[in-house]
PDB file of N, CA and C in Angstrom:
ATOM      1  N   MET A   1       0.832  -1.182   0.000  1.00  0.00           N
ATOM      2  CA  MET A   1       0.000   0.000   0.000  1.00  0.00           C
ATOM      3  C   MET A   1       0.885   1.258   0.000  1.00  0.00           C
ATOM      4  N   MET A   2       1.917   1.240   0.812  1.00  0.00           N
ATOM      5  CA  MET A   2       2.833   2.368   0.880  1.00  0.00           C
ATOM      6  C   MET A   2       3.568   2.531  -0.445  1.00  0.00           C
ATOM      7  N   LEU A   3       3.904   1.421  -1.067  1.00  0.00           N
ATOM      8  CA  LEU A   3       4.615   1.447  -2.337  1.00  0.00           C
ATOM      9  C   LEU A   3       3.755   2.067  -3.440  1.00  0.00           C
ATOM     10  N   ALA A   4       2.469   1.840  -3.399  1.00  0.00           N
ATOM     11  CA  ALA A   4       1.560   2.386  -4.413  1.00  0.00           C
ATOM     12  C   ALA A   4       1.496   3.908  -4.311  1.00  0.00           C
ATOM     13  N   THR A   5       1.486   4.441  -3.093  1.00  0.00           N
ATOM     14  CA  THR A   5       1.421   5.903  -2.945  1.00  0.00           C
ATOM     15  C   THR A   5       2.735   6.553  -3.384  1.00  0.00           C
ATOM     16  N   VAL A   6       3.849   5.852  -3.119  1.00  0.00           N
ATOM     17  CA  VAL A   6       5.147   6.385  -3.563  1.00  0.00           C
ATOM     18  C   VAL A   6       5.210   6.399  -5.084  1.00  0.00           C
ATOM     19  N   ASP A   7       4.749   5.334  -5.714  1.00  0.00           N
ATOM     20  CA  ASP A   7       4.734   5.274  -7.173  1.00  0.00           C
ATOM     21  C   ASP A   7       3.831   6.363  -7.762  1.00  0.00           C
ATOM     22  N   ALA A   8       2.704   6.594  -7.129  1.00  0.00           N
ATOM     23  CA  ALA A   8       1.786   7.633  -7.616  1.00  0.00           C
ATOM     24  C   ALA A   8       2.424   9.021  -7.477  1.00  0.00           C
ATOM     25  N   ALA A   9       3.141   9.252  -6.373  1.00  0.00           N
ATOM     26  CA  ALA A   9       3.801  10.546  -6.173  1.00  0.00           C
ATOM     27  C   ALA A   9       4.910  10.747  -7.194  1.00  0.00           C
ATOM     28  N   LEU A  10       5.675   9.691  -7.474  1.00  0.00           N
ATOM     29  CA  LEU A  10       6.732   9.791  -8.480  1.00  0.00           C
ATOM     30  C   LEU A  10       6.158  10.036  -9.875  1.00  0.00           C
ATOM     31  N   ALA A  11       5.029   9.399 -10.164  1.00  0.00           N
ATOM     32  CA  ALA A  11       4.396   9.591 -11.467  1.00  0.00           C
ATOM     33  C   ALA A  11       3.931  11.035 -11.619  1.00  0.00           C
ATOM     34  N   GLU A  12       3.431  11.649 -10.538  1.00  0.00           N
ATOM     35  CA  GLU A  12       3.001  13.050 -10.591  1.00  0.00           C
ATOM     36  C   GLU A  12       4.184  13.975 -10.846  1.00  0.00           C
ATOM     37  N   LEU A  13       5.329  13.676 -10.210  1.00  0.00           N
ATOM     38  CA  LEU A  13       6.501  14.517 -10.389  1.00  0.00           C
ATOM     39  C   LEU A  13       7.062  14.425 -11.802  1.00  0.00           C
ATOM     40  N   GLU A  14       6.920  13.268 -12.423  1.00  0.00           N
ATOM     41  CA  GLU A  14       7.463  13.073 -13.760  1.00  0.00           C
ATOM     42  C   GLU A  14       6.579  13.648 -14.851  1.00  0.00           C
ATOM     43  N   GLU A  15       5.315  13.976 -14.503  1.00  0.00           N
ATOM     44  CA  GLU A  15       4.411  14.552 -15.495  1.00  0.00           C
ATOM     45  C   GLU A  15       4.875  15.959 -15.848  1.00  0.00           C
ATOM     46  N   GLU A  16       4.861  16.270 -17.121  1.00  0.00           N
ATOM     47  CA  GLU A  16       5.206  17.608 -17.578  1.00  0.00           C
ATOM     48  C   GLU A  16       3.929  18.427 -17.686  1.00  0.00           C
ATOM     49  N   PRO A  17       4.012  19.721 -17.468  1.00  0.00           N
ATOM     50  CA  PRO A  17       2.809  20.542 -17.582  1.00  0.00           C
ATOM     51  C   PRO A  17       2.298  20.579 -19.020  1.00  0.00           C
ATOM     52  N   GLU A  18       1.002  20.793 -19.159  1.00  0.00           N
ATOM     53  CA  GLU A  18       0.383  20.859 -20.475  1.00  0.00           C
ATOM     54  C   GLU A  18       0.781  22.171 -21.147  1.00  0.00           C
ATOM     55  N   VAL A  19       1.572  22.081 -22.193  1.00  0.00           N
ATOM     56  CA  VAL A  19       2.021  23.274 -22.907  1.00  0.00           C
ATOM     57  C   VAL A  19       1.721  23.068 -24.383  1.00  0.00           C
ATOM     58  N   PRO A  20       0.798  23.884 -24.949  1.00  0.00           N
ATOM     59  CA  PRO A  20       0.509  23.747 -26.380  1.00  0.00           C
ATOM     60  C   PRO A  20       1.701  24.154 -27.237  1.00  0.00           C
ATOM     61  N   GLU A  21       1.736  23.660 -28.455  1.00  0.00           N
ATOM     62  CA  GLU A  21       2.817  23.996 -29.392  1.00  0.00           C
ATOM     63  C   GLU A  21       2.766  25.478 -29.741  1.00  0.00           C
ATOM     64  N   GLY A  22       3.923  26.050 -29.973  1.00  0.00           N
ATOM     65  CA  GLY A  22       4.009  27.434 -30.396  1.00  0.00           C
ATOM     66  C   GLY A  22       4.034  28.438 -29.265  1.00  0.00           C
ATOM     67  N   GLU A  23       4.085  27.992 -28.019  1.00  0.00           N
ATOM     68  CA  GLU A  23       4.145  28.936 -26.911  1.00  0.00           C
ATOM     69  C   GLU A  23       5.553  29.475 -26.746  1.00  0.00           C
ATOM     70  N   THR A  24       5.644  30.649 -26.196  1.00  0.00           N
ATOM     71  CA  THR A  24       6.944  31.246 -25.952  1.00  0.00           C
ATOM     72  C   THR A  24       7.536  30.674 -24.671  1.00  0.00           C
ATOM     73  N   SER A  25       8.810  30.970 -24.451  1.00  0.00           N
ATOM     74  CA  SER A  25       9.459  30.489 -23.237  1.00  0.00           C
ATOM     75  C   SER A  25       8.851  31.145 -22.004  1.00  0.00           C
ATOM     76  N   LEU A  26       8.393  32.385 -22.119  1.00  0.00           N
ATOM     77  CA  LEU A  26       7.736  33.049 -20.993  1.00  0.00           C
ATOM     78  C   LEU A  26       6.445  32.332 -20.630  1.00  0.00           C
ATOM     79  N   GLN A  27       5.686  31.939 -21.620  1.00  0.00           N
ATOM     80  CA  GLN A  27       4.443  31.213 -21.346  1.00  0.00           C
ATOM     81  C   GLN A  27       4.720  29.854 -20.721  1.00  0.00           C
ATOM     82  N   LEU A  28       5.804  29.213 -21.119  1.00  0.00           N
ATOM     83  CA  LEU A  28       6.176  27.941 -20.502  1.00  0.00           C
ATOM     84  C   LEU A  28       6.536  28.146 -19.040  1.00  0.00           C
ATOM     85  N   LEU A  29       7.336  29.168 -18.755  1.00  0.00           N
ATOM     86  CA  LEU A  29       7.689  29.450 -17.359  1.00  0.00           C
ATOM     87  C   LEU A  29       6.447  29.758 -16.536  1.00  0.00           C
ATOM     88  N   GLN A  30       5.523  30.518 -17.104  1.00  0.00           N
ATOM     89  CA  GLN A  30       4.292  30.837 -16.387  1.00  0.00           C
ATOM     90  C   GLN A  30       3.463  29.587 -16.131  1.00  0.00           C
ATOM     91  N   ALA A  31       3.413  28.689 -17.096  1.00  0.00           N
ATOM     92  CA  ALA A  31       2.651  27.450 -16.903  1.00  0.00           C
ATOM     93  C   ALA A  31       3.262  26.604 -15.802  1.00  0.00           C
ATOM     94  N   ILE A  32       4.598  26.596 -15.706  1.00  0.00           N
ATOM     95  CA  ILE A  32       5.251  25.783 -14.682  1.00  0.00           C
ATOM     96  C   ILE A  32       5.046  26.386 -13.307  1.00  0.00           C
ATOM     97  N   TYR A  33       5.222  27.714 -13.151  1.00  0.00           N
ATOM     98  CA  TYR A  33       5.096  28.257 -11.800  1.00  0.00           C
ATOM     99  C   TYR A  33       3.649  28.376 -11.335  1.00  0.00           C
ATOM    100  N   LYS A  34       2.689  28.244 -12.243  1.00  0.00           N
ATOM    101  CA  LYS A  34       1.284  28.237 -11.837  1.00  0.00           C
ATOM    102  C   LYS A  34       0.776  26.826 -11.562  1.00  0.00           C
ATOM    103  N   ASP A  35       1.556  25.823 -11.926  1.00  0.00           N
ATOM    104  CA  ASP A  35       1.167  24.432 -11.742  1.00  0.00           C
ATOM    105  C   ASP A  35       1.448  24.009 -10.309  1.00  0.00           C
ATOM    106  N   LYS A  36       0.394  23.719  -9.563  1.00  0.00           N
ATOM    107  CA  LYS A  36       0.530  23.345  -8.139  1.00  0.00           C
ATOM    108  C   LYS A  36       1.155  21.963  -7.962  1.00  0.00           C
ATOM    109  N   LYS A  37       1.224  21.171  -9.021  1.00  0.00           N
ATOM    110  CA  LYS A  37       1.804  19.836  -8.912  1.00  0.00           C
ATOM    111  C   LYS A  37       3.332  19.875  -8.917  1.00  0.00           C
ATOM    112  N   GLN A  38       3.904  20.965  -9.393  1.00  0.00           N
ATOM    113  CA  GLN A  38       5.359  21.084  -9.446  1.00  0.00           C
ATOM    114  C   GLN A  38       5.912  21.368  -8.046  1.00  0.00           C
ATOM    115  N   PRO A  39       7.130  20.909  -7.769  1.00  0.00           N
ATOM    116  CA  PRO A  39       7.753  21.215  -6.475  1.00  0.00           C
ATOM    117  C   PRO A  39       7.934  22.724  -6.309  1.00  0.00           C
ATOM    118  N   LEU A  40       7.927  23.168  -5.062  1.00  0.00           N
ATOM    119  CA  LEU A  40       7.987  24.596  -4.777  1.00  0.00           C
ATOM    120  C   LEU A  40       9.280  25.223  -5.301  1.00  0.00           C
ATOM    121  N   ASN A  41      10.410  24.533  -5.143  1.00  0.00           N
ATOM    122  CA  ASN A  41      11.670  25.137  -5.599  1.00  0.00           C
ATOM    123  C   ASN A  41      11.687  25.334  -7.111  1.00  0.00           C
ATOM    124  N   VAL A  42      11.067  24.452  -7.873  1.00  0.00           N
ATOM    125  CA  VAL A  42      10.990  24.597  -9.328  1.00  0.00           C
ATOM    126  C   VAL A  42      10.075  25.763  -9.674  1.00  0.00           C
ATOM    127  N   ARG A  43       8.950  25.867  -8.981  1.00  0.00           N
ATOM    128  CA  ARG A  43       8.008  26.954  -9.245  1.00  0.00           C
ATOM    129  C   ARG A  43       8.618  28.310  -8.918  1.00  0.00           C
ATOM    130  N   VAL A  44       9.356  28.380  -7.803  1.00  0.00           N
ATOM    131  CA  VAL A  44       9.986  29.642  -7.418  1.00  0.00           C
ATOM    132  C   VAL A  44      11.047  30.034  -8.438  1.00  0.00           C
ATOM    133  N   ARG A  45      11.847  29.089  -8.881  1.00  0.00           N
ATOM    134  CA  ARG A  45      12.898  29.380  -9.856  1.00  0.00           C
ATOM    135  C   ARG A  45      12.295  29.883 -11.175  1.00  0.00           C
ATOM    136  N   CYS A  46      11.222  29.268 -11.620  1.00  0.00           N
ATOM    137  CA  CYS A  46      10.554  29.707 -12.852  1.00  0.00           C
ATOM    138  C   CYS A  46       9.955  31.099 -12.677  1.00  0.00           C
ATOM    139  N   ALA A  47       9.411  31.385 -11.502  1.00  0.00           N
ATOM    140  CA  ALA A  47       8.858  32.716 -11.249  1.00  0.00           C
ATOM    141  C   ALA A  47       9.960  33.768 -11.264  1.00  0.00           C
ATOM    142  N   ILE A  48      11.113  33.439 -10.692  1.00  0.00           N
ATOM    143  CA  ILE A  48      12.246  34.377 -10.682  1.00  0.00           C
ATOM    144  C   ILE A  48      12.713  34.661 -12.108  1.00  0.00           C
ATOM    145  N   GLU A  49      12.792  33.629 -12.944  1.00  0.00           N
ATOM    146  CA  GLU A  49      13.256  33.806 -14.319  1.00  0.00           C
ATOM    147  C   GLU A  49      12.250  34.582 -15.165  1.00  0.00           C
ATOM    148  N   ALA A  50      10.955  34.451 -14.874  1.00  0.00           N
ATOM    149  CA  ALA A  50       9.926  35.124 -15.665  1.00  0.00           C
ATOM    150  C   ALA A  50       9.686  36.558 -15.216  1.00  0.00           C
ATOM    151  N   LEU A  51      10.092  36.897 -14.001  1.00  0.00           N
ATOM    152  CA  LEU A  51       9.792  38.207 -13.423  1.00  0.00           C
ATOM    153  C   LEU A  51      10.255  39.397 -14.264  1.00  0.00           C
ATOM    154  N   PRO A  52      11.490  39.431 -14.791  1.00  0.00           N
ATOM    155  CA  PRO A  52      11.897  40.610 -15.571  1.00  0.00           C
ATOM    156  C   PRO A  52      11.073  40.830 -16.839  1.00  0.00           C
ATOM    157  N   PHE A  53      10.404  39.803 -17.341  1.00  0.00           N
ATOM    158  CA  PHE A  53       9.630  39.927 -18.567  1.00  0.00           C
ATOM    159  C   PHE A  53       8.169  40.253 -18.288  1.00  0.00           C
ATOM    160  N   GLU A  54       7.740  40.108 -17.032  1.00  0.00           N
ATOM    161  CA  GLU A  54       6.359  40.391 -16.677  1.00  0.00           C
ATOM    162  C   GLU A  54       6.180  41.794 -16.109  1.00  0.00           C
ATOM    163  N   VAL A  55       7.169  42.276 -15.371  1.00  0.00           N
ATOM    164  CA  VAL A  55       7.069  43.578 -14.723  1.00  0.00           C
ATOM    165  C   VAL A  55       8.176  44.460 -15.280  1.00  0.00           C
ATOM    166  N   PRO A  56       7.841  45.631 -15.826  1.00  0.00           N
ATOM    167  CA  PRO A  56       8.895  46.492 -16.380  1.00  0.00           C
ATOM    168  C   PRO A  56       9.794  47.039 -15.293  1.00  0.00           C
ATOM    169  N   LYS A  57      11.052  47.238 -15.635  1.00  0.00           N
ATOM    170  CA  LYS A  57      12.020  47.777 -14.690  1.00  0.00           C
ATOM    171  C   LYS A  57      11.894  49.296 -14.700  1.00  0.00           C
ATOM    172  N   LEU A  58      11.704  49.868 -13.535  1.00  0.00           N
ATOM    173  CA  LEU A  58      11.551  51.306 -13.435  1.00  0.00           C
ATOM    174  C   LEU A  58      12.917  51.953 -13.271  1.00  0.00           C
ATOM    175  N   SER A  59      13.163  52.986 -14.043  1.00  0.00           N
ATOM    176  CA  SER A  59      14.409  53.723 -13.923  1.00  0.00           C
ATOM    177  C   SER A  59      14.132  55.180 -14.255  1.00  0.00           C
ATOM    178  N   ALA A  60      14.970  56.037 -13.761  1.00  0.00           N
ATOM    179  CA  ALA A  60      14.804  57.466 -14.010  1.00  0.00           C
ATOM    180  C   ALA A  60      16.080  58.020 -14.603  1.00  0.00           C
ATOM    181  N   THR A  61      15.925  58.927 -15.535  1.00  0.00           N
ATOM    182  CA  THR A  61      17.075  59.603 -16.117  1.00  0.00           C
ATOM    183  C   THR A  61      16.833  61.102 -16.042  1.00  0.00           C
ATOM    184  N   ALA A  62      17.881  61.833 -15.807  1.00  0.00           N
ATOM    185  CA  ALA A  62      17.778  63.287 -15.729  1.00  0.00           C
ATOM    186  C   ALA A  62      18.635  63.901 -16.826  1.00  0.00           C
ATOM    187  N   ILE A  63      18.069  64.844 -17.536  1.00  0.00           N
ATOM    188  CA  ILE A  63      18.788  65.539 -18.591  1.00  0.00           C
ATOM    189  C   ILE A  63      18.796  67.016 -18.228  1.00  0.00           C
ATOM    190  N   ALA A  64      19.978  67.572 -18.075  1.00  0.00           N
ATOM    191  CA  ALA A  64      20.091  68.993 -17.761  1.00  0.00           C
ATOM    192  C   ALA A  64      20.036  69.780 -19.058  1.00  0.00           C
ATOM    193  N   MET A  65      19.047  70.619 -19.192  1.00  0.00           N
ATOM    194  CA  MET A  65      18.872  71.381 -20.424  1.00  0.00           C
ATOM    195  C   MET A  65      19.406  72.805 -20.292  1.00  0.00           C
ATOM    196  N   ASP A  66      19.811  73.230 -19.122  1.00  0.00           N
ATOM    197  CA  ASP A  66      20.382  74.570 -18.893  1.00  0.00           C
ATOM    198  C   ASP A  66      19.450  75.684 -19.380  1.00  0.00           C
ATOM    199  N   GLY A  67      18.176  75.547 -19.141  1.00  0.00           N
ATOM    200  CA  GLY A  67      17.222  76.590 -19.498  1.00  0.00           C
ATOM    201  C   GLY A  67      16.905  76.672 -20.972  1.00  0.00           C
ATOM    202  N   GLN A  68      17.283  75.674 -21.761  1.00  0.00           N
ATOM    203  CA  GLN A  68      17.021  75.695 -23.199  1.00  0.00           C
ATOM    204  C   GLN A  68      15.903  74.718 -23.517  1.00  0.00           C
ATOM    205  N   SER A  69      15.287  74.937 -24.650  1.00  0.00           N
ATOM    206  CA  SER A  69      14.300  73.970 -25.103  1.00  0.00           C
ATOM    207  C   SER A  69      15.033  72.785 -25.732  1.00  0.00           C
ATOM    208  N   PHE A  70      14.315  71.708 -25.925  1.00  0.00           N
ATOM    209  CA  PHE A  70      14.914  70.520 -26.519  1.00  0.00           C
ATOM    210  C   PHE A  70      15.366  70.809 -27.946  1.00  0.00           C
ATOM    211  N   ALA A  71      14.593  71.604 -28.677  1.00  0.00           N
ATOM    212  CA  ALA A  71      14.933  71.911 -30.073  1.00  0.00           C
ATOM    213  C   ALA A  71      16.248  72.683 -30.154  1.00  0.00           C
ATOM    214  N   GLU A  72      16.443  73.637 -29.238  1.00  0.00           N
ATOM    215  CA  GLU A  72      17.694  74.406 -29.251  1.00  0.00           C
ATOM    216  C   GLU A  72      18.891  73.507 -28.932  1.00  0.00           C
ATOM    217  N   ALA A  73      18.725  72.627 -27.954  1.00  0.00           N
ATOM    218  CA  ALA A  73      19.814  71.710 -27.606  1.00  0.00           C
ATOM    219  C   ALA A  73      20.126  70.773 -28.762  1.00  0.00           C
ATOM    220  N   LEU A  74      19.092  70.335 -29.465  1.00  0.00           N
ATOM    221  CA  LEU A  74      19.295  69.447 -30.612  1.00  0.00           C
ATOM    222  C   LEU A  74      20.023  70.179 -31.738  1.00  0.00           C
ATOM    223  N   GLU A  75      19.669  71.408 -31.995  1.00  0.00           N
ATOM    224  CA  GLU A  75      20.359  72.189 -33.030  1.00  0.00           C
ATOM    225  C   GLU A  75      21.830  72.387 -32.677  1.00  0.00           C
ATOM    226  N   ARG A  76      22.131  72.655 -31.403  1.00  0.00           N
ATOM    227  CA  ARG A  76      23.525  72.794 -30.981  1.00  0.00           C
ATOM    228  C   ARG A  76      24.293  71.495 -31.184  1.00  0.00           C
ATOM    229  N   ALA A  77      23.675  70.372 -30.864  1.00  0.00           N
ATOM    230  CA  ALA A  77      24.341  69.076 -31.026  1.00  0.00           C
ATOM    231  C   ALA A  77      24.600  68.783 -32.497  1.00  0.00           C
ATOM    232  N   ILE A  78      23.654  69.125 -33.361  1.00  0.00           N
ATOM    233  CA  ILE A  78      23.831  68.890 -34.797  1.00  0.00           C
ATOM    234  C   ILE A  78      24.959  69.755 -35.339  1.00  0.00           C
ATOM    235  N   SER A  79      25.002  71.025 -34.915  1.00  0.00           N
ATOM    236  CA  SER A  79      26.073  71.897 -35.408  1.00  0.00           C
ATOM    237  C   SER A  79      27.436  71.442 -34.895  1.00  0.00           C
ATOM    238  N   ARG A  80      27.510  70.927 -33.672  1.00  0.00           N
ATOM    239  CA  ARG A  80      28.778  70.395 -33.147  1.00  0.00           C
ATOM    240  C   ARG A  80      29.216  69.160 -33.917  1.00  0.00           C
ATOM    241  N   SER A  81      28.259  68.335 -34.323  1.00  0.00           N
ATOM    242  CA  SER A  81      28.628  67.093 -35.016  1.00  0.00           C
ATOM    243  C   SER A  81      29.115  67.353 -36.431  1.00  0.00           C
ATOM    244  N   GLN A  82      28.782  68.517 -37.011  1.00  0.00           N
ATOM    245  CA  GLN A  82      29.198  68.806 -38.374  1.00  0.00           C
ATOM    246  C   GLN A  82      30.568  69.469 -38.445  1.00  0.00           C
ATOM    247  N   LYS A  83      31.103  69.893 -37.306  1.00  0.00           N
ATOM    248  CA  LYS A  83      32.434  70.494 -37.286  1.00  0.00           C
ATOM    249  C   LYS A  83      33.482  69.398 -37.406  1.00  0.00           C
ATOM    250  N   PRO A  84      34.656  69.710 -37.991  1.00  0.00           N
ATOM    251  CA  PRO A  84      35.711  68.678 -38.069  1.00  0.00           C
ATOM    252  C   PRO A  84      36.242  68.376 -36.668  1.00  0.00           C
ATOM    253  N   LEU A  85      36.661  67.150 -36.482  1.00  0.00           N
ATOM    254  CA  LEU A  85      37.183  66.735 -35.189  1.00  0.00           C
ATOM    255  C   LEU A  85      38.544  67.370 -34.934  1.00  0.00           C
ATOM    256  N   PRO A  86      38.794  67.841 -33.714  1.00  0.00           N
ATOM    257  CA  PRO A  86      40.116  68.397 -33.420  1.00  0.00           C
ATOM    258  C   PRO A  86      41.146  67.275 -33.336  1.00  0.00           C
ATOM    259  N   LEU A  87      42.350  67.570 -33.756  1.00  0.00           N
ATOM    260  CA  LEU A  87      43.430  66.591 -33.695  1.00  0.00           C
ATOM    261  C   LEU A  87      43.946  66.518 -32.269  1.00  0.00           C
ATOM    262  N   LEU A  88      44.058  65.337 -31.729  1.00  0.00           N
ATOM    263  CA  LEU A  88      44.462  65.173 -30.342  1.00  0.00           C
ATOM    264  C   LEU A  88      45.956  65.381 -30.146  1.00  0.00           C
ATOM    265  N   ASN A  89      46.767  64.958 -31.081  1.00  0.00           N
ATOM    266  CA  ASN A  89      48.217  65.028 -30.925  1.00  0.00           C
ATOM    267  C   ASN A  89      48.853  66.060 -31.855  1.00  0.00           C
ATOM    268  N   GLY A  90      48.107  67.060 -32.220  1.00  0.00           N
ATOM    269  CA  GLY A  90      48.660  68.069 -33.107  1.00  0.00           C
ATOM    270  C   GLY A  90      48.558  67.635 -34.551  1.00  0.00           C
ATOM    271  N   PRO A  91      49.220  68.389 -35.442  1.00  0.00           N
ATOM    272  CA  PRO A  91      49.144  68.045 -36.871  1.00  0.00           C
ATOM    273  C   PRO A  91      49.872  66.732 -37.152  1.00  0.00           C
ATOM    274  N   SER A  92      49.416  66.047 -38.174  1.00  0.00           N
ATOM    275  CA  SER A  92      50.041  64.772 -38.523  1.00  0.00           C
ATOM    276  C   SER A  92      51.396  65.033 -39.177  1.00  0.00           C
ATOM    277  N   PRO A  93      52.347  64.127 -39.028  1.00  0.00           N
ATOM    278  CA  PRO A  93      53.672  64.312 -39.638  1.00  0.00           C
ATOM    279  C   PRO A  93      53.552  64.255 -41.156  1.00  0.00           C
ATOM    280  N   PRO A  94      54.482  64.875 -41.865  1.00  0.00           N
ATOM    281  CA  PRO A  94      54.403  64.855 -43.330  1.00  0.00           C
ATOM    282  C   PRO A  94      54.573  63.425 -43.847  1.00  0.00           C
ATOM    283  N   GLU A  95      53.850  63.146 -44.895  1.00  0.00           N
ATOM    284  CA  GLU A  95      53.914  61.803 -45.465  1.00  0.00           C
ATOM    285  C   GLU A  95      55.203  61.640 -46.257  1.00  0.00           C
ATOM    286  N   LEU A  96      55.771  60.436 -46.179  1.00  0.00           N
ATOM    287  CA  LEU A  96      57.013  60.139 -46.887  1.00  0.00           C
ATOM    288  C   LEU A  96      56.700  59.674 -48.306  1.00  0.00           C
ATOM    289  N   PRO A  97      57.591  59.939 -49.236  1.00  0.00           N
ATOM    290  CA  PRO A  97      57.356  59.445 -50.602  1.00  0.00           C
ATOM    291  C   PRO A  97      57.496  57.923 -50.650  1.00  0.00           C
ATOM    292  N   ALA A  98      56.913  57.316 -51.667  1.00  0.00           N
ATOM    293  CA  ALA A  98      56.909  55.862 -51.792  1.00  0.00           C
ATOM    294  C   ALA A  98      58.322  55.301 -51.911  1.00  0.00           C
ATOM    295  N   GLU A  99      59.238  56.043 -52.569  1.00  0.00           N
ATOM    296  CA  GLU A  99      60.612  55.551 -52.725  1.00  0.00           C
ATOM    297  C   GLU A  99      61.289  55.397 -51.366  1.00  0.00           C
ATOM    298  N   GLU A 100      60.966  56.286 -50.470  1.00  0.00           N
ATOM    299  CA  GLU A 100      61.556  56.234 -49.127  1.00  0.00           C
ATOM    300  C   GLU A 100      61.021  55.032 -48.339  1.00  0.00           C
ATOM    301  N   LEU A 101      59.742  54.718 -48.533  1.00  0.00           N
ATOM    302  CA  LEU A 101      59.129  53.621 -47.789  1.00  0.00           C
ATOM    303  C   LEU A 101      59.546  52.256 -48.326  1.00  0.00           C
ATOM    304  N   LYS A 102      60.004  52.182 -49.561  1.00  0.00           N
ATOM    305  CA  LYS A 102      60.408  50.906 -50.135  1.00  0.00           C
ATOM    306  C   LYS A 102      61.766  50.450 -49.618  1.00  0.00           C
ATOM    307  N   LYS A 103      62.550  51.361 -49.082  1.00  0.00           N
ATOM    308  CA  LYS A 103      63.869  51.007 -48.565  1.00  0.00           C
ATOM    309  C   LYS A 103      63.721  50.218 -47.274  1.00  0.00           C
ATOM    310  N   PRO A 104      64.723  49.414 -46.911  1.00  0.00           N
ATOM    311  CA  PRO A 104      64.650  48.697 -45.631  1.00  0.00           C
ATOM    312  C   PRO A 104      64.736  49.682 -44.468  1.00  0.00           C
ATOM    313  N   PHE A 105      64.076  49.342 -43.383  1.00  0.00           N
ATOM    314  CA  PHE A 105      64.080  50.209 -42.208  1.00  0.00           C
ATOM    315  C   PHE A 105      65.472  50.246 -41.585  1.00  0.00           C
ATOM    316  N   SER A 106      65.811  51.410 -41.068  1.00  0.00           N
ATOM    317  CA  SER A 106      67.109  51.510 -40.405  1.00  0.00           C
ATOM    318  C   SER A 106      67.003  50.870 -39.029  1.00  0.00           C
ATOM    319  N   ASN A 107      68.061  50.223 -38.617  1.00  0.00           N
ATOM    320  CA  ASN A 107      68.069  49.544 -37.330  1.00  0.00           C
ATOM    321  C   ASN A 107      68.783  50.453 -36.323  1.00  0.00           C
ATOM    322  N   TYR A 108      68.157  51.597 -36.042  1.00  0.00           N
ATOM    323  CA  TYR A 108      68.805  52.573 -35.181  1.00  0.00           C
ATOM    324  C   TYR A 108      68.693  52.226 -33.715  1.00  0.00           C
ATOM    325  N   ARG A 109      67.799  51.344 -33.362  1.00  0.00           N
ATOM    326  CA  ARG A 109      67.639  50.985 -31.952  1.00  0.00           C
ATOM    327  C   ARG A 109      67.769  49.485 -31.814  1.00  0.00           C
ATOM    328  N   ASN A 110      68.840  49.052 -31.262  1.00  0.00           N
ATOM    329  CA  ASN A 110      69.098  47.636 -31.118  1.00  0.00           C
ATOM    330  C   ASN A 110      69.155  47.305 -29.635  1.00  0.00           C
ATOM    331  N   ASN A 111      68.085  46.728 -29.113  1.00  0.00           N
ATOM    332  CA  ASN A 111      67.999  46.398 -27.685  1.00  0.00           C
ATOM    333  C   ASN A 111      68.521  45.008 -27.365  1.00  0.00           C
ATOM    334  N   TYR A 112      68.950  44.264 -28.365  1.00  0.00           N
ATOM    335  CA  TYR A 112      69.412  42.916 -28.106  1.00  0.00           C
ATOM    336  C   TYR A 112      70.873  42.937 -27.672  1.00  0.00           C
ATOM    337  N   ARG A 113      71.163  42.222 -26.642  1.00  0.00           N
ATOM    338  CA  ARG A 113      72.561  42.116 -26.187  1.00  0.00           C
ATOM    339  C   ARG A 113      73.237  40.983 -26.940  1.00  0.00           C
ATOM    340  N   ARG A 114      74.401  41.278 -27.406  1.00  0.00           N
ATOM    341  CA  ARG A 114      75.169  40.239 -28.085  1.00  0.00           C
ATOM    342  C   ARG A 114      76.504  40.083 -27.373  1.00  0.00           C
ATOM    343  N   TYR A 115      76.850  38.891 -27.118  1.00  0.00           N
ATOM    344  CA  TYR A 115      78.129  38.622 -26.411  1.00  0.00           C
ATOM    345  C   TYR A 115      79.121  38.025 -27.347  1.00  0.00           C
TER     346      TYR A 115
END
């Protein structure tokens, strides 16, 4: 008699929840955590995984406009983006002619010790 109840309990645990074809993973998680036949730890884990997709995350952002309208700030940003970028390291060095670059590099710095 005791063996029959154990077998019935094991059969209940092995049953998968009824999930129709074409459901999303969120719907599967919801079906599992709403199923009272599933163990509590499985239901809690599924609820934790589904939570970010069910409830939106609230966040706040602050934009300092310095007393300007959004349109004025947008126009300033557009005009800044159309200016050429400043050079960080000053003007670029003059380019060498191709004949100079075809020659082998000079070995002016030799850090290898030779005995």
